[in-house]
Amino acid sequence: MAKKFIEISDIIQQYEEIHFPIGLPTLPEMIELRMFEMGLKRKDLVALLNTGASRISDYLNGKREITLNIAKALHQKLNIDSDIILQ
C-alpha cells in the first residue's frame, strides 16, 4: 500500500513540475518578504544597507541593478540566498 502511494505521489510531483513549475522568487520579492518577516520598514532597510532611500526604492521596483556591496549586505544581513541575488 505504501509503495503504491509513493508511486502516485511521484506521478503527481512530475505533473506539477511540468505544468505548474515554481521558480525562485525575484530579488525584490525576497527583500520585501524579509522586510515583512523582520518587521522592517524602508527607512530601516536604508540604515541596514547603508544606502539612500531612492536607491532602495529603485531596487524594490526593479529600476536599478544592485551593487556588489549591496549584494553582500543582502546576503549577510537579510540572509537572502546567493542564488536569488545572482539570478
N, C-alpha and C. Protein backbone atom coordinates (compact mmCIF):
# COMPACT_ATOMS: atom_id res chain seq x y z
N MET A 1 0.82 -1.19 0.00
CA MET A 1 0.00 0.00 0.00
C MET A 1 0.86 1.25 0.00
N ALA A 2 1.89 1.28 0.84
CA ALA A 2 2.77 2.44 0.93
C ALA A 2 3.52 2.65 -0.38
N LYS A 3 3.91 1.55 -1.03
CA LYS A 3 4.63 1.66 -2.30
C LYS A 3 3.75 2.29 -3.37
N LYS A 4 2.47 1.91 -3.40
CA LYS A 4 1.54 2.47 -4.37
C LYS A 4 1.35 3.97 -4.14
N PHE A 5 1.27 4.36 -2.86
CA PHE A 5 1.12 5.77 -2.52
C PHE A 5 2.33 6.57 -2.99
N ILE A 6 3.54 6.01 -2.82
CA ILE A 6 4.76 6.68 -3.25
C ILE A 6 4.76 6.82 -4.77
N GLU A 7 4.33 5.80 -5.50
CA GLU A 7 4.29 5.86 -6.96
C GLU A 7 3.31 6.95 -7.43
N ILE A 8 2.15 7.01 -6.82
CA ILE A 8 1.16 8.03 -7.18
C ILE A 8 1.70 9.41 -6.83
N SER A 9 2.34 9.52 -5.69
CA SER A 9 2.93 10.79 -5.26
C SER A 9 3.99 11.26 -6.24
N ASP A 10 4.81 10.33 -6.73
CA ASP A 10 5.85 10.67 -7.71
C ASP A 10 5.23 11.15 -9.02
N ILE A 11 4.18 10.51 -9.46
CA ILE A 11 3.49 10.90 -10.70
C ILE A 11 2.92 12.31 -10.55
N ILE A 12 2.30 12.57 -9.42
CA ILE A 12 1.73 13.90 -9.18
C ILE A 12 2.83 14.95 -9.15
N GLN A 13 3.94 14.65 -8.51
CA GLN A 13 5.04 15.60 -8.43
C GLN A 13 5.60 15.90 -9.82
N GLN A 14 5.77 14.90 -10.64
CA GLN A 14 6.26 15.10 -12.01
C GLN A 14 5.30 15.97 -12.81
N TYR A 15 4.01 15.72 -12.67
CA TYR A 15 3.00 16.51 -13.37
C TYR A 15 3.07 17.98 -12.94
N GLU A 16 3.17 18.20 -11.63
CA GLU A 16 3.22 19.58 -11.13
C GLU A 16 4.49 20.29 -11.59
N GLU A 17 5.61 19.59 -11.62
CA GLU A 17 6.86 20.21 -12.06
C GLU A 17 6.80 20.63 -13.52
N ILE A 18 6.08 19.87 -14.33
CA ILE A 18 5.96 20.19 -15.76
C ILE A 18 4.93 21.29 -15.99
N HIS A 19 3.77 21.19 -15.38
CA HIS A 19 2.66 22.08 -15.68
C HIS A 19 2.53 23.28 -14.73
N PHE A 20 3.08 23.18 -13.55
CA PHE A 20 2.99 24.26 -12.56
C PHE A 20 4.33 24.47 -11.86
N PRO A 21 5.38 24.80 -12.64
CA PRO A 21 6.69 24.95 -12.01
C PRO A 21 6.72 26.17 -11.07
N ILE A 22 7.42 25.99 -9.98
CA ILE A 22 7.60 27.08 -9.02
C ILE A 22 9.08 27.46 -9.07
N GLY A 23 9.35 28.64 -9.57
CA GLY A 23 10.72 29.10 -9.67
C GLY A 23 11.15 29.87 -8.43
N LEU A 24 12.35 30.38 -8.51
CA LEU A 24 12.86 31.20 -7.42
C LEU A 24 12.11 32.52 -7.39
N PRO A 25 11.93 33.09 -6.22
CA PRO A 25 11.32 34.42 -6.16
C PRO A 25 12.30 35.45 -6.71
N THR A 26 11.78 36.56 -7.17
CA THR A 26 12.67 37.62 -7.65
C THR A 26 13.33 38.27 -6.44
N LEU A 27 14.41 38.99 -6.69
CA LEU A 27 15.11 39.65 -5.60
C LEU A 27 14.22 40.67 -4.89
N PRO A 28 13.50 41.53 -5.61
CA PRO A 28 12.61 42.46 -4.90
C PRO A 28 11.56 41.74 -4.04
N GLU A 29 11.02 40.63 -4.54
CA GLU A 29 10.05 39.86 -3.75
C GLU A 29 10.70 39.32 -2.48
N MET A 30 11.92 38.85 -2.61
CA MET A 30 12.62 38.28 -1.46
C MET A 30 12.97 39.35 -0.44
N ILE A 31 13.39 40.51 -0.91
CA ILE A 31 13.70 41.62 0.00
C ILE A 31 12.44 42.01 0.77
N GLU A 32 11.32 42.14 0.07
CA GLU A 32 10.08 42.51 0.73
C GLU A 32 9.62 41.44 1.72
N LEU A 33 9.81 40.18 1.37
CA LEU A 33 9.48 39.10 2.30
C LEU A 33 10.31 39.19 3.57
N ARG A 34 11.62 39.38 3.40
CA ARG A 34 12.49 39.51 4.58
C ARG A 34 12.14 40.74 5.41
N MET A 35 11.80 41.83 4.73
CA MET A 35 11.38 43.03 5.46
C MET A 35 10.16 42.72 6.31
N PHE A 36 9.20 42.03 5.73
CA PHE A 36 7.98 41.64 6.45
C PHE A 36 8.32 40.74 7.63
N GLU A 37 9.13 39.72 7.38
CA GLU A 37 9.49 38.76 8.42
C GLU A 37 10.24 39.42 9.58
N MET A 38 11.08 40.40 9.26
CA MET A 38 11.90 41.05 10.27
C MET A 38 11.25 42.32 10.84
N GLY A 39 10.07 42.67 10.31
CA GLY A 39 9.38 43.86 10.79
C GLY A 39 10.08 45.15 10.41
N LEU A 40 10.74 45.16 9.25
CA LEU A 40 11.49 46.33 8.79
C LEU A 40 10.65 47.20 7.88
N LYS A 41 10.87 48.48 7.97
CA LYS A 41 10.28 49.43 7.03
C LYS A 41 11.40 49.86 6.09
N ARG A 42 11.03 50.58 5.04
CA ARG A 42 12.05 51.00 4.08
C ARG A 42 13.15 51.83 4.74
N LYS A 43 12.77 52.70 5.67
CA LYS A 43 13.78 53.52 6.34
C LYS A 43 14.75 52.65 7.15
N ASP A 44 14.25 51.54 7.69
CA ASP A 44 15.11 50.60 8.41
C ASP A 44 16.08 49.92 7.45
N LEU A 45 15.58 49.60 6.28
CA LEU A 45 16.41 48.96 5.25
C LEU A 45 17.49 49.91 4.77
N VAL A 46 17.16 51.18 4.66
CA VAL A 46 18.14 52.20 4.26
C VAL A 46 19.31 52.19 5.24
N ALA A 47 19.00 52.20 6.53
CA ALA A 47 20.05 52.20 7.56
C ALA A 47 20.82 50.88 7.57
N LEU A 48 20.10 49.77 7.42
CA LEU A 48 20.73 48.45 7.47
C LEU A 48 21.70 48.24 6.31
N LEU A 49 21.31 48.72 5.12
CA LEU A 49 22.15 48.53 3.94
C LEU A 49 23.07 49.70 3.67
N ASN A 50 22.95 50.74 4.51
CA ASN A 50 23.81 51.92 4.39
C ASN A 50 23.77 52.53 2.99
N THR A 51 22.56 52.82 2.54
CA THR A 51 22.35 53.42 1.22
C THR A 51 21.20 54.40 1.30
N GLY A 52 20.89 55.05 0.19
CA GLY A 52 19.83 56.05 0.17
C GLY A 52 18.45 55.46 -0.04
N ALA A 53 17.44 56.22 0.37
CA ALA A 53 16.05 55.79 0.22
C ALA A 53 15.66 55.62 -1.24
N SER A 54 16.17 56.51 -2.09
CA SER A 54 15.82 56.41 -3.52
C SER A 54 16.42 55.14 -4.14
N ARG A 55 17.59 54.75 -3.68
CA ARG A 55 18.19 53.50 -4.20
C ARG A 55 17.39 52.29 -3.76
N ILE A 56 16.96 52.29 -2.52
CA ILE A 56 16.13 51.18 -2.03
C ILE A 56 14.86 51.09 -2.86
N SER A 57 14.26 52.23 -3.12
CA SER A 57 13.05 52.26 -3.94
C SER A 57 13.34 51.72 -5.34
N ASP A 58 14.46 52.12 -5.92
CA ASP A 58 14.83 51.62 -7.26
C ASP A 58 15.08 50.12 -7.24
N TYR A 59 15.73 49.61 -6.20
CA TYR A 59 15.97 48.16 -6.10
C TYR A 59 14.64 47.40 -6.02
N LEU A 60 13.74 47.90 -5.18
CA LEU A 60 12.47 47.20 -4.97
C LEU A 60 11.55 47.29 -6.19
N ASN A 61 11.71 48.34 -6.99
CA ASN A 61 10.90 48.49 -8.20
C ASN A 61 11.58 47.92 -9.44
N GLY A 62 12.77 47.35 -9.27
CA GLY A 62 13.48 46.75 -10.38
C GLY A 62 14.06 47.75 -11.37
N LYS A 63 14.25 48.98 -10.94
CA LYS A 63 14.77 50.03 -11.83
C LYS A 63 16.28 50.13 -11.78
N ARG A 64 16.90 49.48 -10.82
CA ARG A 64 18.34 49.58 -10.66
C ARG A 64 18.90 48.22 -10.29
N GLU A 65 20.06 47.90 -10.86
CA GLU A 65 20.77 46.68 -10.51
C GLU A 65 21.50 46.90 -9.19
N ILE A 66 21.60 45.87 -8.39
CA ILE A 66 22.29 46.00 -7.11
C ILE A 66 23.80 46.00 -7.33
N THR A 67 24.51 46.64 -6.41
CA THR A 67 25.96 46.65 -6.44
C THR A 67 26.49 45.44 -5.68
N LEU A 68 27.77 45.21 -5.80
CA LEU A 68 28.39 44.09 -5.10
C LEU A 68 28.25 44.27 -3.58
N ASN A 69 28.45 45.50 -3.11
CA ASN A 69 28.32 45.75 -1.67
C ASN A 69 26.91 45.51 -1.18
N ILE A 70 25.91 45.91 -1.95
CA ILE A 70 24.51 45.68 -1.56
C ILE A 70 24.21 44.19 -1.60
N ALA A 71 24.74 43.50 -2.60
CA ALA A 71 24.53 42.05 -2.69
C ALA A 71 25.08 41.35 -1.45
N LYS A 72 26.27 41.74 -1.02
CA LYS A 72 26.87 41.15 0.18
C LYS A 72 26.02 41.46 1.41
N ALA A 73 25.56 42.70 1.52
CA ALA A 73 24.75 43.09 2.67
C ALA A 73 23.42 42.34 2.69
N LEU A 74 22.80 42.16 1.53
CA LEU A 74 21.54 41.41 1.46
C LEU A 74 21.74 39.97 1.93
N HIS A 75 22.85 39.40 1.53
CA HIS A 75 23.15 38.02 1.92
C HIS A 75 23.44 37.92 3.42
N GLN A 76 24.27 38.83 3.91
CA GLN A 76 24.70 38.75 5.31
C GLN A 76 23.65 39.24 6.30
N LYS A 77 23.00 40.35 5.98
CA LYS A 77 22.11 40.98 6.96
C LYS A 77 20.65 40.52 6.84
N LEU A 78 20.24 40.14 5.63
CA LEU A 78 18.86 39.68 5.45
C LEU A 78 18.78 38.19 5.18
N ASN A 79 19.95 37.54 5.11
CA ASN A 79 20.02 36.10 4.89
C ASN A 79 19.30 35.68 3.61
N ILE A 80 19.54 36.43 2.55
CA ILE A 80 18.96 36.10 1.24
C ILE A 80 19.95 35.22 0.50
N ASP A 81 19.46 34.12 -0.01
CA ASP A 81 20.30 33.14 -0.70
C ASP A 81 20.99 33.77 -1.91
N SER A 82 22.25 33.40 -2.10
CA SER A 82 23.02 33.97 -3.20
C SER A 82 22.43 33.63 -4.57
N ASP A 83 21.78 32.48 -4.69
CA ASP A 83 21.14 32.13 -5.98
C ASP A 83 20.08 33.14 -6.36
N ILE A 84 19.34 33.63 -5.39
CA ILE A 84 18.30 34.62 -5.66
C ILE A 84 18.94 35.95 -6.00
N ILE A 85 20.00 36.31 -5.30
CA ILE A 85 20.68 37.58 -5.56
C ILE A 85 21.29 37.60 -6.95
N LEU A 86 21.86 36.50 -7.37
CA LEU A 86 22.59 36.46 -8.64
C LEU A 86 21.73 36.18 -9.87
N GLN A 87 20.47 35.83 -9.68
CA GLN A 87 19.64 35.48 -10.84
C GLN A 87 19.40 36.66 -11.77
